[in-house]
């Protein structure tokens, strides 16, 4: 077994970064108007939570095919979150909010997911 083999999804940097993204998303949406509690706040938090959740579930499935499928789901949730951030920025309440941290972190997570999705099968599970 190679020395750099990942044994748990918690060891994956992409999972760690995506969990950090969730906490930053919760912090950011605390400053949204309460009228958005069941709208954008709920949607954005669910999309953010979905990213590390899908990474973890896919990693536990055991096969490369399953893992890749769940990475694609996580990537889709990231695209959903990107869209919701863009919508938020265009709404009046978005003018006073700082999206730079969540956008940078989301961009990093999306690049990592893309790289993992497109890795050859032999490299992707280690």
Protein backbone atom coordinates (compact mmCIF):
# COMPACT_ATOMS: atom_id res chain seq x y z
CA UNK A 1 0.00 0.00 0.00
CA UNK A 2 1.48 3.38 -0.96
CA UNK A 3 2.57 5.64 1.86
CA UNK A 4 0.36 8.53 0.74
CA UNK A 5 -2.88 6.54 0.64
CA UNK A 6 -5.88 8.35 2.08
CA UNK A 7 -7.74 6.19 4.59
CA UNK A 8 -10.57 8.54 5.51
CA UNK A 9 -12.48 11.29 3.73
CA UNK A 10 -11.47 13.54 6.64
CA UNK A 11 -7.89 13.38 5.36
CA UNK A 12 -8.90 14.78 1.97
CA UNK A 13 -7.91 18.45 1.69
CA UNK A 14 -10.96 19.09 -0.50
CA UNK A 15 -13.24 17.79 2.27
CA UNK A 16 -11.45 19.92 4.89
CA UNK A 17 -11.70 23.04 2.71
CA UNK A 18 -15.35 22.39 1.93
CA UNK A 19 -16.17 22.08 5.65
CA UNK A 20 -14.43 25.41 6.17
CA UNK A 21 -16.55 26.80 3.32
CA UNK A 22 -19.71 25.67 5.16
CA UNK A 23 -18.73 27.55 8.30
CA UNK A 24 -17.87 30.69 6.29
CA UNK A 25 -21.19 30.40 4.45
CA UNK A 26 -23.09 30.22 7.74
CA UNK A 27 -21.20 33.27 9.01
CA UNK A 28 -21.91 35.24 5.83
CA UNK A 29 -25.60 34.39 5.71
CA UNK A 30 -26.02 35.53 9.33
CA UNK A 31 -25.87 39.04 7.86
CA UNK A 32 -28.64 38.38 5.32
CA UNK A 33 -32.06 39.88 6.00
CA UNK A 34 -34.29 37.61 8.09
CA UNK A 35 -36.79 37.68 5.22
CA UNK A 36 -34.33 35.41 3.35
CA UNK A 37 -34.31 32.74 6.09
CA UNK A 38 -36.45 30.35 4.02
CA UNK A 39 -35.13 31.61 0.70
CA UNK A 40 -31.50 32.23 -0.16
CA UNK A 41 -30.13 31.54 3.33
CA UNK A 42 -31.63 28.06 3.41
CA UNK A 43 -30.67 27.30 -0.20
CA UNK A 44 -27.09 28.50 0.20
CA UNK A 45 -26.51 26.65 3.43
CA UNK A 46 -27.91 23.42 1.99
CA UNK A 47 -25.79 23.72 -1.15
CA UNK A 48 -22.67 24.38 0.94
CA UNK A 49 -23.36 21.47 3.30
CA UNK A 50 -23.97 19.21 0.33
CA UNK A 51 -20.39 19.59 -0.90
CA UNK A 52 -18.49 17.91 1.98
CA UNK A 53 -21.42 15.54 2.58
CA UNK A 54 -21.21 14.17 -0.96
CA UNK A 55 -17.42 13.90 -0.78
CA UNK A 56 -17.74 11.88 2.44
CA UNK A 57 -20.52 9.65 1.14
CA UNK A 58 -18.72 8.96 -2.11
CA UNK A 59 -15.48 8.14 -0.34
CA UNK A 60 -17.25 5.65 1.89
CA UNK A 61 -18.92 3.89 -1.05
CA UNK A 62 -15.71 2.10 -1.85
CA UNK A 63 -15.58 2.08 -5.63
CA UNK A 64 -13.96 4.67 -7.88
CA UNK A 65 -17.13 4.86 -9.98
CA UNK A 66 -19.27 5.68 -6.93
CA UNK A 67 -16.69 8.15 -5.60
CA UNK A 68 -16.58 9.98 -8.93
CA UNK A 69 -20.38 10.11 -9.06
CA UNK A 70 -20.52 11.78 -5.64
CA UNK A 71 -17.68 14.14 -6.57
CA UNK A 72 -19.83 15.20 -9.53
CA UNK A 73 -22.76 15.80 -7.17
CA UNK A 74 -20.51 17.90 -4.92
CA UNK A 75 -19.31 19.84 -7.98
CA UNK A 76 -22.93 20.46 -8.98
CA UNK A 77 -23.70 21.78 -5.50
CA UNK A 78 -20.70 24.08 -5.82
CA UNK A 79 -22.08 25.45 -9.09
CA UNK A 80 -25.43 25.97 -7.39
CA UNK A 81 -23.70 27.89 -4.59
CA UNK A 82 -21.74 29.99 -7.10
CA UNK A 83 -25.03 30.98 -8.71
CA UNK A 84 -26.66 31.82 -5.38
CA UNK A 85 -23.69 33.98 -4.39
CA UNK A 86 -23.96 35.84 -7.69
CA UNK A 87 -27.68 36.41 -7.16
CA UNK A 88 -27.01 37.65 -3.60
CA UNK A 89 -24.40 40.11 -4.86
CA UNK A 90 -26.95 41.60 -7.26
CA UNK A 91 -29.65 42.09 -4.62
CA UNK A 92 -29.75 45.32 -2.58
CA UNK A 93 -28.69 43.65 0.68
CA UNK A 94 -25.66 42.13 -1.04
CA UNK A 95 -23.97 45.48 -1.55
CA UNK A 96 -22.79 45.66 2.05
CA UNK A 97 -21.56 42.08 2.33
CA UNK A 98 -18.05 40.76 1.80
CA UNK A 99 -18.18 37.68 -0.42
CA UNK A 100 -14.42 37.49 -1.06
CA UNK A 101 -13.62 34.75 1.49
CA UNK A 102 -16.42 32.41 0.44
CA UNK A 103 -15.76 33.01 -3.25
CA UNK A 104 -12.05 32.28 -2.88
CA UNK A 105 -12.69 29.15 -0.84
CA UNK A 106 -15.42 27.94 -3.19
CA UNK A 107 -13.13 28.52 -6.18
CA UNK A 108 -10.41 26.47 -4.53
CA UNK A 109 -12.82 23.63 -3.69
CA UNK A 110 -14.22 23.64 -7.23
CA UNK A 111 -10.73 23.42 -8.76
CA UNK A 112 -9.85 20.51 -6.46
CA UNK A 113 -13.09 18.69 -7.25
CA UNK A 114 -12.54 19.19 -10.97
CA UNK A 115 -9.02 17.78 -10.71
CA UNK A 116 -10.24 14.77 -8.73
CA UNK A 117 -13.11 14.10 -11.13
CA UNK A 118 -10.74 14.14 -14.09
CA UNK A 119 -7.93 12.07 -12.58
CA UNK A 120 -7.22 8.68 -14.11
CA UNK A 121 -8.81 5.87 -12.09
CA UNK A 122 -5.55 4.55 -10.69
CA UNK A 123 -4.63 7.91 -9.11
CA UNK A 124 -8.01 9.03 -7.81
CA UNK A 125 -8.46 6.75 -4.82
CA UNK A 126 -5.12 7.38 -3.14
